[in-house]
Amino acid sequence: MREQLQRRLEELKKEFNAGRTRVAELEQQQTTLHQTLFRISGAIQVLEEELKTGNTQDVGPSSSPPRVDLNQCNGTRT
């Protein structure tokens, strides 16, 4: 009988430790998710404020970024 109790005690301790480990993992995930949501919220706020103030410049589909000569960037010439 004592051996059974000892085995059960060990099983419960293992389950308890596994549970604590899982809680720590979930808490870390929660922290990460809160940080992500905070950043997204900030981005939303900035975009909403930009749209309200009308300070944005419309960029049409024909607009293209300036061309960069890659040869000048790495020091070689053609």
Foldseek 3Di string as FASTA:
>chain_A
DVVVVVVVVVVVVVVVVVVVVVVVVVVVVVVVVVVVVVVVVVVVVVVVVCVVVVPDDDDDPPDDDDDDDVCVVVVHDD
